[in-house]
Structure formats: structure tokens, C-alpha cells
Amino acid sequence: MSHAEILKEILLLNPKDKFLMVETLLKSLDKPDETIDEIWADEALRRFENYKNENTQTIPFEDIFK
């Protein structure tokens, strides 16, 4: 079955089934990347350590949402 034929069949589905089809396709694209997760975990730890050791400038919450 070609891509065009698959799309034609999908367009005939009811809205609920179309939604499920789209949701399934999007989930299949959103696979975790362990390398990126590790980089972000290291960065979060570095930022937290800098905060704890007062090696970073902070902005009060109230000032951010004025």
C-alpha cells in the first residue's frame, strides 16, 4: 500500500480514530534520547550546585512575573 493510499484511508476514518492514528504516529516519533537526557541531568546538577554554593546570580520570582 502506498503512502497516498494509506492517507486516503485515514481521511475516511471518523474523528476519534483519526485522533488515535495521529497520537500513535506522534508517540512513535518522540523516542527518548539517553544522551540528551544525560546531558540535561548533568546540567541541572551543575546549576543546582552553583545555586547551593551561591555561585550564580538569581532573580526573585516576583520580579520575573511583574
N, C-alpha and C. Protein backbone atom coordinates (compact mmCIF):
# COMPACT_ATOMS: atom_id res chain seq x y z
N MET A 1 0.85 -1.17 0.00
CA MET A 1 0.00 0.00 0.00
C MET A 1 0.91 1.24 0.00
N SER A 2 0.63 2.18 -0.87
CA SER A 2 1.44 3.40 -0.97
C SER A 2 1.05 4.40 0.12
N HIS A 3 1.91 5.40 0.30
CA HIS A 3 1.61 6.45 1.27
C HIS A 3 0.31 7.15 0.93
N ALA A 4 0.10 7.41 -0.34
CA ALA A 4 -1.12 8.10 -0.78
C ALA A 4 -2.36 7.25 -0.46
N GLU A 5 -2.25 5.95 -0.65
CA GLU A 5 -3.39 5.07 -0.35
C GLU A 5 -3.66 5.01 1.15
N ILE A 6 -2.60 4.98 1.93
CA ILE A 6 -2.77 4.97 3.39
C ILE A 6 -3.44 6.25 3.84
N LEU A 7 -2.96 7.38 3.34
CA LEU A 7 -3.54 8.67 3.70
C LEU A 7 -5.00 8.75 3.30
N LYS A 8 -5.32 8.26 2.12
CA LYS A 8 -6.70 8.27 1.64
C LYS A 8 -7.59 7.47 2.60
N GLU A 9 -7.12 6.33 3.07
CA GLU A 9 -7.88 5.51 4.01
C GLU A 9 -8.03 6.21 5.37
N ILE A 10 -6.96 6.84 5.81
CA ILE A 10 -7.02 7.54 7.10
C ILE A 10 -8.04 8.66 7.06
N LEU A 11 -8.09 9.38 5.95
CA LEU A 11 -9.02 10.50 5.84
C LEU A 11 -10.48 10.05 5.86
N LEU A 12 -10.73 8.79 5.64
CA LEU A 12 -12.09 8.25 5.69
C LEU A 12 -12.52 7.88 7.11
N LEU A 13 -11.57 7.87 8.04
CA LEU A 13 -11.87 7.48 9.41
C LEU A 13 -12.71 8.54 10.11
N ASN A 14 -13.39 8.13 11.18
CA ASN A 14 -14.12 9.11 11.99
C ASN A 14 -13.11 9.91 12.81
N PRO A 15 -13.52 11.06 13.34
CA PRO A 15 -12.58 11.93 14.05
C PRO A 15 -11.84 11.24 15.21
N LYS A 16 -12.53 10.40 15.96
CA LYS A 16 -11.88 9.72 17.09
C LYS A 16 -10.75 8.81 16.59
N ASP A 17 -11.01 8.05 15.54
CA ASP A 17 -9.98 7.15 15.01
C ASP A 17 -8.84 7.93 14.35
N LYS A 18 -9.16 9.07 13.74
CA LYS A 18 -8.10 9.92 13.18
C LYS A 18 -7.18 10.42 14.29
N PHE A 19 -7.81 10.84 15.39
CA PHE A 19 -7.04 11.33 16.53
C PHE A 19 -6.12 10.22 17.04
N LEU A 20 -6.64 9.02 17.21
CA LEU A 20 -5.84 7.90 17.68
C LEU A 20 -4.69 7.60 16.73
N MET A 21 -4.94 7.72 15.44
CA MET A 21 -3.91 7.49 14.44
C MET A 21 -2.79 8.53 14.58
N VAL A 22 -3.19 9.80 14.69
CA VAL A 22 -2.22 10.88 14.83
C VAL A 22 -1.44 10.73 16.13
N GLU A 23 -2.13 10.44 17.21
CA GLU A 23 -1.48 10.27 18.51
C GLU A 23 -0.45 9.15 18.46
N THR A 24 -0.79 8.06 17.84
CA THR A 24 0.13 6.93 17.73
C THR A 24 1.35 7.31 16.90
N LEU A 25 1.14 8.01 15.80
CA LEU A 25 2.26 8.43 14.96
C LEU A 25 3.19 9.39 15.71
N LEU A 26 2.61 10.35 16.42
CA LEU A 26 3.43 11.31 17.17
C LEU A 26 4.24 10.62 18.26
N LYS A 27 3.61 9.68 18.96
CA LYS A 27 4.33 8.96 20.01
C LYS A 27 5.49 8.17 19.43
N SER A 28 5.32 7.66 18.22
CA SER A 28 6.40 6.88 17.61
C SER A 28 7.60 7.76 17.24
N LEU A 29 7.37 9.06 17.09
CA LEU A 29 8.46 9.99 16.76
C LEU A 29 9.17 10.51 18.00
N ASP A 30 8.50 10.45 19.14
CA ASP A 30 9.02 11.05 20.37
C ASP A 30 9.71 10.01 21.23
N LYS A 31 10.81 9.49 20.73
CA LYS A 31 11.58 8.49 21.48
C LYS A 31 12.65 9.21 22.30
N PRO A 32 12.79 8.82 23.57
CA PRO A 32 13.81 9.46 24.41
C PRO A 32 15.21 9.22 23.87
N ASP A 33 16.05 10.22 24.02
CA ASP A 33 17.46 10.10 23.64
C ASP A 33 18.26 10.11 24.93
N GLU A 34 18.81 8.96 25.30
CA GLU A 34 19.52 8.83 26.57
C GLU A 34 20.69 9.79 26.68
N THR A 35 21.36 10.09 25.58
CA THR A 35 22.49 11.01 25.61
C THR A 35 22.03 12.41 25.99
N ILE A 36 20.94 12.86 25.37
CA ILE A 36 20.41 14.19 25.68
C ILE A 36 19.90 14.24 27.12
N ASP A 37 19.23 13.17 27.56
CA ASP A 37 18.75 13.12 28.94
C ASP A 37 19.92 13.22 29.93
N GLU A 38 21.01 12.55 29.63
CA GLU A 38 22.18 12.58 30.50
C GLU A 38 22.82 13.98 30.52
N ILE A 39 22.90 14.62 29.36
CA ILE A 39 23.44 15.98 29.28
C ILE A 39 22.61 16.94 30.12
N TRP A 40 21.26 16.84 30.01
CA TRP A 40 20.39 17.72 30.78
C TRP A 40 20.47 17.43 32.28
N ALA A 41 20.60 16.16 32.65
CA ALA A 41 20.73 15.81 34.07
C ALA A 41 22.02 16.41 34.63
N ASP A 42 23.11 16.31 33.88
CA ASP A 42 24.39 16.89 34.30
C ASP A 42 24.27 18.41 34.43
N GLU A 43 23.61 19.03 33.47
CA GLU A 43 23.43 20.49 33.51
C GLU A 43 22.59 20.91 34.70
N ALA A 44 21.52 20.18 34.98
CA ALA A 44 20.66 20.51 36.12
C ALA A 44 21.44 20.38 37.42
N LEU A 45 22.24 19.35 37.55
CA LEU A 45 23.06 19.16 38.74
C LEU A 45 24.08 20.28 38.88
N ARG A 46 24.72 20.65 37.78
CA ARG A 46 25.69 21.74 37.80
C ARG A 46 25.03 23.04 38.25
N ARG A 47 23.85 23.33 37.70
CA ARG A 47 23.14 24.56 38.07
C ARG A 47 22.74 24.54 39.54
N PHE A 48 22.27 23.39 40.03
CA PHE A 48 21.87 23.28 41.43
C PHE A 48 23.08 23.48 42.35
N GLU A 49 24.20 22.87 42.00
CA GLU A 49 25.42 23.03 42.81
C GLU A 49 25.85 24.49 42.83
N ASN A 50 25.80 25.15 41.69
CA ASN A 50 26.15 26.58 41.64
C ASN A 50 25.21 27.39 42.52
N TYR A 51 23.92 27.07 42.49
CA TYR A 51 22.94 27.77 43.31
C TYR A 51 23.23 27.55 44.80
N LYS A 52 23.45 26.29 45.17
CA LYS A 52 23.73 25.96 46.58
C LYS A 52 24.97 26.68 47.08
N ASN A 53 25.98 26.79 46.24
CA ASN A 53 27.26 27.40 46.63
C ASN A 53 27.27 28.91 46.38
N GLU A 54 26.12 29.44 46.02
CA GLU A 54 25.95 30.88 45.76
C GLU A 54 26.92 31.37 44.68
N ASN A 55 27.12 30.56 43.67
CA ASN A 55 27.98 30.92 42.55
C ASN A 55 27.18 31.37 41.33
N THR A 56 25.95 31.75 41.56
CA THR A 56 25.12 32.18 40.45
C THR A 56 24.22 33.32 40.91
N GLN A 57 23.90 34.18 39.99
CA GLN A 57 23.00 35.29 40.31
C GLN A 57 21.57 34.82 40.11
N THR A 58 20.73 35.08 41.09
CA THR A 58 19.33 34.67 40.99
C THR A 58 18.43 35.89 40.86
N ILE A 59 17.23 35.66 40.36
CA ILE A 59 16.23 36.70 40.21
C ILE A 59 15.02 36.28 41.01
N PRO A 60 14.52 37.13 41.90
CA PRO A 60 13.34 36.77 42.69
C PRO A 60 12.13 36.44 41.78
N PHE A 61 11.37 35.46 42.18
CA PHE A 61 10.19 35.02 41.44
C PHE A 61 9.27 36.20 41.12
N GLU A 62 9.06 37.06 42.11
CA GLU A 62 8.15 38.20 41.96
C GLU A 62 8.62 39.12 40.83
N ASP A 63 9.93 39.27 40.68
CA ASP A 63 10.47 40.15 39.64
C ASP A 63 10.28 39.56 38.25
N ILE A 64 10.27 38.27 38.16
CA ILE A 64 10.11 37.63 36.85
C ILE A 64 8.70 37.84 36.31
N PHE A 65 7.71 37.78 37.18
CA PHE A 65 6.31 37.84 36.73
C PHE A 65 5.62 39.15 37.08
N LYS A 66 6.36 40.25 36.98
CA LYS A 66 5.77 41.59 37.21
C LYS A 66 4.87 41.97 36.07
